[in-house]
Amino acid sequence: MTALEIAISLLRNALQLGTRADGLTADSPLMGGFPEFNSLTVVGIIAGIEEQLGCEVGDTEITEDVFQTVGTLADFIESKM
């Protein structure tokens, strides 16, 4: 699975997007793009990254930049792989 596929899968689950996730691309905005996207979503995504990749994400790594688009989230996931 690629980092982008992992990002989309995590978003599908965290935001309960169902088939809406099929239209996500690297350029899809996250912050402001989904009314469901909030701090609890971020926590769920970070937990999913840690679980799927067997890594730890430090508090200082969680920045607004990571959650700008699906692509920036995928880049972050790639850096943790």
PDB file of N, CA and C in Angstrom:
ATOM      1  N   MET A   1       0.849  -1.180   0.000  1.00  0.00           N
ATOM      2  CA  MET A   1       0.000   0.000   0.000  1.00  0.00           C
ATOM      3  C   MET A   1       0.895   1.244   0.000  1.00  0.00           C
ATOM      4  N   THR A   2       0.555   2.215  -0.835  1.00  0.00           N
ATOM      5  CA  THR A   2       1.330   3.446  -0.882  1.00  0.00           C
ATOM      6  C   THR A   2       0.893   4.376   0.252  1.00  0.00           C
ATOM      7  N   ALA A   3       1.694   5.394   0.492  1.00  0.00           N
ATOM      8  CA  ALA A   3       1.359   6.371   1.531  1.00  0.00           C
ATOM      9  C   ALA A   3       0.043   7.073   1.210  1.00  0.00           C
ATOM     10  N   LEU A   4      -0.206   7.356  -0.075  1.00  0.00           N
ATOM     11  CA  LEU A   4      -1.460   8.009  -0.464  1.00  0.00           C
ATOM     12  C   LEU A   4      -2.644   7.083  -0.208  1.00  0.00           C
ATOM     13  N   GLU A   5      -2.498   5.808  -0.515  1.00  0.00           N
ATOM     14  CA  GLU A   5      -3.570   4.850  -0.261  1.00  0.00           C
ATOM     15  C   GLU A   5      -3.852   4.717   1.236  1.00  0.00           C
ATOM     16  N   ILE A   6      -2.795   4.728   2.042  1.00  0.00           N
ATOM     17  CA  ILE A   6      -2.970   4.670   3.496  1.00  0.00           C
ATOM     18  C   ILE A   6      -3.701   5.917   3.979  1.00  0.00           C
ATOM     19  N   ALA A   7      -3.294   7.080   3.482  1.00  0.00           N
ATOM     20  CA  ALA A   7      -3.932   8.339   3.885  1.00  0.00           C
ATOM     21  C   ALA A   7      -5.426   8.315   3.554  1.00  0.00           C
ATOM     22  N   ILE A   8      -5.764   7.882   2.356  1.00  0.00           N
ATOM     23  CA  ILE A   8      -7.173   7.841   1.947  1.00  0.00           C
ATOM     24  C   ILE A   8      -7.946   6.841   2.793  1.00  0.00           C
ATOM     25  N   SER A   9      -7.344   5.709   3.084  1.00  0.00           N
ATOM     26  CA  SER A   9      -7.994   4.695   3.922  1.00  0.00           C
ATOM     27  C   SER A   9      -8.255   5.238   5.331  1.00  0.00           C
ATOM     28  N   LEU A  10      -7.261   5.905   5.892  1.00  0.00           N
ATOM     29  CA  LEU A  10      -7.418   6.482   7.236  1.00  0.00           C
ATOM     30  C   LEU A  10      -8.510   7.551   7.239  1.00  0.00           C
ATOM     31  N   LEU A  11      -8.535   8.374   6.211  1.00  0.00           N
ATOM     32  CA  LEU A  11      -9.557   9.423   6.120  1.00  0.00           C
ATOM     33  C   LEU A  11     -10.940   8.818   5.917  1.00  0.00           C
ATOM     34  N   ARG A  12     -11.027   7.778   5.094  1.00  0.00           N
ATOM     35  CA  ARG A  12     -12.302   7.103   4.871  1.00  0.00           C
ATOM     36  C   ARG A  12     -12.891   6.642   6.207  1.00  0.00           C
ATOM     37  N   ASN A  13     -12.035   6.051   7.046  1.00  0.00           N
ATOM     38  CA  ASN A  13     -12.493   5.539   8.342  1.00  0.00           C
ATOM     39  C   ASN A  13     -12.744   6.652   9.352  1.00  0.00           C
ATOM     40  N   ALA A  14     -11.802   7.571   9.475  1.00  0.00           N
ATOM     41  CA  ALA A  14     -11.908   8.616  10.497  1.00  0.00           C
ATOM     42  C   ALA A  14     -13.073   9.566  10.238  1.00  0.00           C
ATOM     43  N   LEU A  15     -13.331   9.852   8.966  1.00  0.00           N
ATOM     44  CA  LEU A  15     -14.396  10.790   8.615  1.00  0.00           C
ATOM     45  C   LEU A  15     -15.675  10.078   8.182  1.00  0.00           C
ATOM     46  N   GLN A  16     -15.645   8.758   8.196  1.00  0.00           N
ATOM     47  CA  GLN A  16     -16.795   7.947   7.765  1.00  0.00           C
ATOM     48  C   GLN A  16     -17.292   8.419   6.399  1.00  0.00           C
ATOM     49  N   LEU A  17     -16.360   8.467   5.446  1.00  0.00           N
ATOM     50  CA  LEU A  17     -16.667   8.999   4.125  1.00  0.00           C
ATOM     51  C   LEU A  17     -17.325   7.991   3.196  1.00  0.00           C
ATOM     52  N   GLY A  18     -17.123   6.726   3.453  1.00  0.00           N
ATOM     53  CA  GLY A  18     -17.677   5.718   2.552  1.00  0.00           C
ATOM     54  C   GLY A  18     -17.165   5.929   1.142  1.00  0.00           C
ATOM     55  N   THR A  19     -18.065   5.912   0.173  1.00  0.00           N
ATOM     56  CA  THR A  19     -17.657   6.041  -1.228  1.00  0.00           C
ATOM     57  C   THR A  19     -17.182   7.448  -1.583  1.00  0.00           C
ATOM     58  N   ARG A  20     -17.472   8.443  -0.754  1.00  0.00           N
ATOM     59  CA  ARG A  20     -16.953   9.804  -1.024  1.00  0.00           C
ATOM     60  C   ARG A  20     -15.440   9.819  -1.039  1.00  0.00           C
ATOM     61  N   ALA A  21     -14.812   8.871  -0.331  1.00  0.00           N
ATOM     62  CA  ALA A  21     -13.351   8.811  -0.283  1.00  0.00           C
ATOM     63  C   ALA A  21     -12.759   8.409  -1.629  1.00  0.00           C
ATOM     64  N   ASP A  22     -13.556   7.783  -2.484  1.00  0.00           N
ATOM     65  CA  ASP A  22     -13.062   7.349  -3.796  1.00  0.00           C
ATOM     66  C   ASP A  22     -12.641   8.531  -4.665  1.00  0.00           C
ATOM     67  N   GLY A  23     -13.180   9.694  -4.407  1.00  0.00           N
ATOM     68  CA  GLY A  23     -12.846  10.885  -5.180  1.00  0.00           C
ATOM     69  C   GLY A  23     -11.682  11.686  -4.632  1.00  0.00           C
ATOM     70  N   LEU A  24     -11.093  11.248  -3.526  1.00  0.00           N
ATOM     71  CA  LEU A  24      -9.982  11.986  -2.936  1.00  0.00           C
ATOM     72  C   LEU A  24      -8.729  11.844  -3.792  1.00  0.00           C
ATOM     73  N   THR A  25      -8.008  12.952  -3.933  1.00  0.00           N
ATOM     74  CA  THR A  25      -6.714  12.962  -4.610  1.00  0.00           C
ATOM     75  C   THR A  25      -5.708  13.638  -3.688  1.00  0.00           C
ATOM     76  N   ALA A  26      -4.459  13.643  -4.100  1.00  0.00           N
ATOM     77  CA  ALA A  26      -3.418  14.288  -3.297  1.00  0.00           C
ATOM     78  C   ALA A  26      -3.714  15.773  -3.094  1.00  0.00           C
ATOM     79  N   ASP A  27      -4.432  16.387  -4.028  1.00  0.00           N
ATOM     80  CA  ASP A  27      -4.728  17.820  -3.947  1.00  0.00           C
ATOM     81  C   ASP A  27      -5.993  18.141  -3.155  1.00  0.00           C
ATOM     82  N   SER A  28      -6.726  17.133  -2.724  1.00  0.00           N
ATOM     83  CA  SER A  28      -7.961  17.374  -1.972  1.00  0.00           C
ATOM     84  C   SER A  28      -7.653  18.049  -0.637  1.00  0.00           C
ATOM     85  N   PRO A  29      -8.304  19.185  -0.351  1.00  0.00           N
ATOM     86  CA  PRO A  29      -8.058  19.869   0.921  1.00  0.00           C
ATOM     87  C   PRO A  29      -8.681  19.110   2.089  1.00  0.00           C
ATOM     88  N   LEU A  30      -8.021  19.162   3.218  1.00  0.00           N
ATOM     89  CA  LEU A  30      -8.565  18.548   4.437  1.00  0.00           C
ATOM     90  C   LEU A  30      -9.163  19.611   5.338  1.00  0.00           C
ATOM     91  N   MET A  31      -8.333  20.531   5.808  1.00  0.00           N
ATOM     92  CA  MET A  31      -8.814  21.575   6.707  1.00  0.00           C
ATOM     93  C   MET A  31      -9.732  22.515   5.923  1.00  0.00           C
ATOM     94  N   GLY A  32     -10.974  22.573   6.331  1.00  0.00           N
ATOM     95  CA  GLY A  32     -11.958  23.372   5.633  1.00  0.00           C
ATOM     96  C   GLY A  32     -12.650  22.613   4.513  1.00  0.00           C
ATOM     97  N   GLY A  33     -12.132  21.452   4.169  1.00  0.00           N
ATOM     98  CA  GLY A  33     -12.717  20.666   3.096  1.00  0.00           C
ATOM     99  C   GLY A  33     -13.825  19.739   3.554  1.00  0.00           C
ATOM    100  N   PHE A  34     -13.835  19.438   4.842  1.00  0.00           N
ATOM    101  CA  PHE A  34     -14.826  18.530   5.414  1.00  0.00           C
ATOM    102  C   PHE A  34     -15.314  19.095   6.735  1.00  0.00           C
ATOM    103  N   PRO A  35     -16.618  19.283   6.883  1.00  0.00           N
ATOM    104  CA  PRO A  35     -17.124  19.782   8.164  1.00  0.00           C
ATOM    105  C   PRO A  35     -16.826  18.822   9.312  1.00  0.00           C
ATOM    106  N   GLU A  36     -16.658  17.528   8.968  1.00  0.00           N
ATOM    107  CA  GLU A  36     -16.400  16.515   9.988  1.00  0.00           C
ATOM    108  C   GLU A  36     -14.957  16.543  10.499  1.00  0.00           C
ATOM    109  N   PHE A  37     -14.078  17.252   9.786  1.00  0.00           N
ATOM    110  CA  PHE A  37     -12.652  17.251  10.130  1.00  0.00           C
ATOM    111  C   PHE A  37     -12.413  18.159  11.328  1.00  0.00           C
ATOM    112  N   ASN A  38     -12.017  17.551  12.458  1.00  0.00           N
ATOM    113  CA  ASN A  38     -11.784  18.318  13.683  1.00  0.00           C
ATOM    114  C   ASN A  38     -10.643  17.677  14.476  1.00  0.00           C
ATOM    115  N   SER A  39     -10.430  18.133  15.687  1.00  0.00           N
ATOM    116  CA  SER A  39      -9.308  17.638  16.490  1.00  0.00           C
ATOM    117  C   SER A  39      -9.435  16.152  16.808  1.00  0.00           C
ATOM    118  N   LEU A  40     -10.654  15.662  16.974  1.00  0.00           N
ATOM    119  CA  LEU A  40     -10.833  14.225  17.221  1.00  0.00           C
ATOM    120  C   LEU A  40     -10.456  13.413  15.994  1.00  0.00           C
ATOM    121  N   THR A  41     -10.715  13.958  14.817  1.00  0.00           N
ATOM    122  CA  THR A  41     -10.307  13.301  13.582  1.00  0.00           C
ATOM    123  C   THR A  41      -8.791  13.192  13.530  1.00  0.00           C
ATOM    124  N   VAL A  42      -8.103  14.260  13.875  1.00  0.00           N
ATOM    125  CA  VAL A  42      -6.642  14.263  13.877  1.00  0.00           C
ATOM    126  C   VAL A  42      -6.118  13.177  14.808  1.00  0.00           C
ATOM    127  N   VAL A  43      -6.686  13.080  15.990  1.00  0.00           N
ATOM    128  CA  VAL A  43      -6.265  12.059  16.955  1.00  0.00           C
ATOM    129  C   VAL A  43      -6.468  10.664  16.367  1.00  0.00           C
ATOM    130  N   GLY A  44      -7.599  10.433  15.730  1.00  0.00           N
ATOM    131  CA  GLY A  44      -7.873   9.134  15.125  1.00  0.00           C
ATOM    132  C   GLY A  44      -6.911   8.799  13.999  1.00  0.00           C
ATOM    133  N   ILE A  45      -6.592   9.791  13.181  1.00  0.00           N
ATOM    134  CA  ILE A  45      -5.659   9.570  12.075  1.00  0.00           C
ATOM    135  C   ILE A  45      -4.266   9.270  12.609  1.00  0.00           C
ATOM    136  N   ILE A  46      -3.820  10.020  13.588  1.00  0.00           N
ATOM    137  CA  ILE A  46      -2.493   9.780  14.174  1.00  0.00           C
ATOM    138  C   ILE A  46      -2.437   8.384  14.790  1.00  0.00           C
ATOM    139  N   ALA A  47      -3.477   7.995  15.508  1.00  0.00           N
ATOM    140  CA  ALA A  47      -3.521   6.650  16.094  1.00  0.00           C
ATOM    141  C   ALA A  47      -3.477   5.589  14.997  1.00  0.00           C
ATOM    142  N   GLY A  48      -4.175   5.836  13.893  1.00  0.00           N
ATOM    143  CA  GLY A  48      -4.165   4.901  12.775  1.00  0.00           C
ATOM    144  C   GLY A  48      -2.799   4.774  12.136  1.00  0.00           C
ATOM    145  N   ILE A  49      -2.101   5.893  11.996  1.00  0.00           N
ATOM    146  CA  ILE A  49      -0.733   5.868  11.451  1.00  0.00           C
ATOM    147  C   ILE A  49       0.165   5.041  12.352  1.00  0.00           C
ATOM    148  N   GLU A  50       0.092   5.305  13.641  1.00  0.00           N
ATOM    149  CA  GLU A  50       0.935   4.575  14.593  1.00  0.00           C
ATOM    150  C   GLU A  50       0.638   3.078  14.551  1.00  0.00           C
ATOM    151  N   GLU A  51      -0.630   2.727  14.475  1.00  0.00           N
ATOM    152  CA  GLU A  51      -1.028   1.318  14.478  1.00  0.00           C
ATOM    153  C   GLU A  51      -0.607   0.621  13.182  1.00  0.00           C
ATOM    154  N   GLN A  52      -0.892   1.245  12.048  1.00  0.00           N
ATOM    155  CA  GLN A  52      -0.587   0.615  10.762  1.00  0.00           C
ATOM    156  C   GLN A  52       0.902   0.510  10.487  1.00  0.00           C
ATOM    157  N   LEU A  53       1.652   1.525  10.902  1.00  0.00           N
ATOM    158  CA  LEU A  53       3.077   1.547  10.588  1.00  0.00           C
ATOM    159  C   LEU A  53       3.957   1.085  11.736  1.00  0.00           C
ATOM    160  N   GLY A  54       3.380   0.873  12.907  1.00  0.00           N
ATOM    161  CA  GLY A  54       4.169   0.449  14.049  1.00  0.00           C
ATOM    162  C   GLY A  54       5.198   1.493  14.457  1.00  0.00           C
ATOM    163  N   CYS A  55       4.794   2.750  14.414  1.00  0.00           N
ATOM    164  CA  CYS A  55       5.706   3.845  14.759  1.00  0.00           C
ATOM    165  C   CYS A  55       5.067   4.720  15.828  1.00  0.00           C
ATOM    166  N   GLU A  56       5.828   5.686  16.281  1.00  0.00           N
ATOM    167  CA  GLU A  56       5.298   6.687  17.202  1.00  0.00           C
ATOM    168  C   GLU A  56       5.339   8.043  16.528  1.00  0.00           C
ATOM    169  N   VAL A  57       4.306   8.831  16.751  1.00  0.00           N
ATOM    170  CA  VAL A  57       4.249  10.186  16.239  1.00  0.00           C
ATOM    171  C   VAL A  57       4.338  11.117  17.439  1.00  0.00           C
ATOM    172  N   GLY A  58       5.390  11.924  17.470  1.00  0.00           N
ATOM    173  CA  GLY A  58       5.581  12.851  18.577  1.00  0.00           C
ATOM    174  C   GLY A  58       4.661  14.056  18.477  1.00  0.00           C
ATOM    175  N   ASP A  59       4.339  14.637  19.617  1.00  0.00           N
ATOM    176  CA  ASP A  59       3.460  15.806  19.647  1.00  0.00           C
ATOM    177  C   ASP A  59       3.970  16.947  18.768  1.00  0.00           C
ATOM    178  N   THR A  60       5.285  17.120  18.711  1.00  0.00           N
ATOM    179  CA  THR A  60       5.848  18.217  17.922  1.00  0.00           C
ATOM    180  C   THR A  60       5.754  17.966  16.419  1.00  0.00           C
ATOM    181  N   GLU A  61       5.490  16.732  16.020  1.00  0.00           N
ATOM    182  CA  GLU A  61       5.355  16.403  14.601  1.00  0.00           C
ATOM    183  C   GLU A  61       3.964  16.735  14.064  1.00  0.00           C
ATOM    184  N   ILE A  62       3.016  16.902  14.942  1.00  0.00           N
ATOM    185  CA  ILE A  62       1.627  17.140  14.540  1.00  0.00           C
ATOM    186  C   ILE A  62       1.436  18.643  14.357  1.00  0.00           C
ATOM    187  N   THR A  63       1.489  19.059  13.088  1.00  0.00           N
ATOM    188  CA  THR A  63       1.342  20.476  12.774  1.00  0.00           C
ATOM    189  C   THR A  63       0.207  20.670  11.774  1.00  0.00           C
ATOM    190  N   GLU A  64      -0.211  21.883  11.637  1.00  0.00           N
ATOM    191  CA  GLU A  64      -1.255  22.238  10.680  1.00  0.00           C
ATOM    192  C   GLU A  64      -0.845  21.873   9.256  1.00  0.00           C
ATOM    193  N   ASP A  65       0.447  22.009   8.957  1.00  0.00           N
ATOM    194  CA  ASP A  65       0.940  21.718   7.610  1.00  0.00           C
ATOM    195  C   ASP A  65       0.679  20.278   7.186  1.00  0.00           C
ATOM    196  N   VAL A  66       0.725  19.347   8.130  1.00  0.00           N
ATOM    197  CA  VAL A  66       0.505  17.934   7.825  1.00  0.00           C
ATOM    198  C   VAL A  66      -0.916  17.714   7.305  1.00  0.00           C
ATOM    199  N   PHE A  67      -1.851  18.506   7.762  1.00  0.00           N
ATOM    200  CA  PHE A  67      -3.265  18.285   7.465  1.00  0.00           C
ATOM    201  C   PHE A  67      -3.855  19.297   6.474  1.00  0.00           C
ATOM    202  N   GLN A  68      -3.025  19.904   5.642  1.00  0.00           N
ATOM    203  CA  GLN A  68      -3.528  20.835   4.634  1.00  0.00           C
ATOM    204  C   GLN A  68      -4.289  20.107   3.530  1.00  0.00           C
ATOM    205  N   THR A  69      -3.677  19.041   2.992  1.00  0.00           N
ATOM    206  CA  THR A  69      -4.299  18.280   1.898  1.00  0.00           C
ATOM    207  C   THR A  69      -4.070  16.789   2.147  1.00  0.00           C
ATOM    208  N   VAL A  70      -4.726  15.978   1.345  1.00  0.00           N
ATOM    209  CA  VAL A  70      -4.498  14.536   1.415  1.00  0.00           C
ATOM    210  C   VAL A  70      -3.032  14.248   1.081  1.00  0.00           C
ATOM    211  N   GLY A  71      -2.470  14.997   0.146  1.00  0.00           N
ATOM    212  CA  GLY A  71      -1.071  14.818  -0.248  1.00  0.00           C
ATOM    213  C   GLY A  71      -0.084  15.147   0.859  1.00  0.00           C
ATOM    214  N   THR A  72      -0.350  16.216   1.620  1.00  0.00           N
ATOM    215  CA  THR A  72       0.572  16.552   2.708  1.00  0.00           C
ATOM    216  C   THR A  72       0.494  15.502   3.812  1.00  0.00           C
ATOM    217  N   LEU A  73      -0.696  14.941   4.012  1.00  0.00           N
ATOM    218  CA  LEU A  73      -0.831  13.840   4.972  1.00  0.00           C
ATOM    219  C   LEU A  73      -0.079  12.615   4.461  1.00  0.00           C
ATOM    220  N   ALA A  74      -0.200  12.326   3.169  1.00  0.00           N
ATOM    221  CA  ALA A  74       0.516  11.191   2.580  1.00  0.00           C
ATOM    222  C   ALA A  74       2.025  11.392   2.684  1.00  0.00           C
ATOM    223  N   ASP A  75       2.497  12.610   2.482  1.00  0.00           N
ATOM    224  CA  ASP A  75       3.929  12.893   2.629  1.00  0.00           C
ATOM    225  C   ASP A  75       4.394  12.602   4.050  1.00  0.00           C
ATOM    226  N   PHE A  76       3.582  12.984   5.016  1.00  0.00           N
ATOM    227  CA  PHE A  76       3.921  12.718   6.413  1.00  0.00           C
ATOM    228  C   PHE A  76       3.970  11.222   6.669  1.00  0.00           C
ATOM    229  N   ILE A  77       2.971  10.505   6.154  1.00  0.00           N
ATOM    230  CA  ILE A  77       2.943   9.042   6.324  1.00  0.00           C
ATOM    231  C   ILE A  77       4.182   8.431   5.679  1.00  0.00           C
ATOM    232  N   GLU A  78       4.549   8.897   4.501  1.00  0.00           N
ATOM    233  CA  GLU A  78       5.746   8.398   3.810  1.00  0.00           C
ATOM    234  C   GLU A  78       6.977   8.589   4.673  1.00  0.00           C
ATOM    235  N   SER A  79       7.066   9.724   5.363  1.00  0.00           N
ATOM    236  CA  SER A  79       8.229   9.990   6.209  1.00  0.00           C
ATOM    237  C   SER A  79       8.293   9.061   7.419  1.00  0.00           C
ATOM    238  N   LYS A  80       7.154   8.478   7.780  1.00  0.00           N
ATOM    239  CA  LYS A  80       7.101   7.564   8.936  1.00  0.00           C
ATOM    240  C   LYS A  80       7.272   6.103   8.518  1.00  0.00           C
ATOM    241  N   MET A  81       7.262   5.823   7.219  1.00  0.00           N
ATOM    242  CA  MET A  81       7.378   4.441   6.735  1.00  0.00           C
ATOM    243  C   MET A  81       8.818   3.947   6.806  1.00  0.00           C
TER     244      MET A  81
END
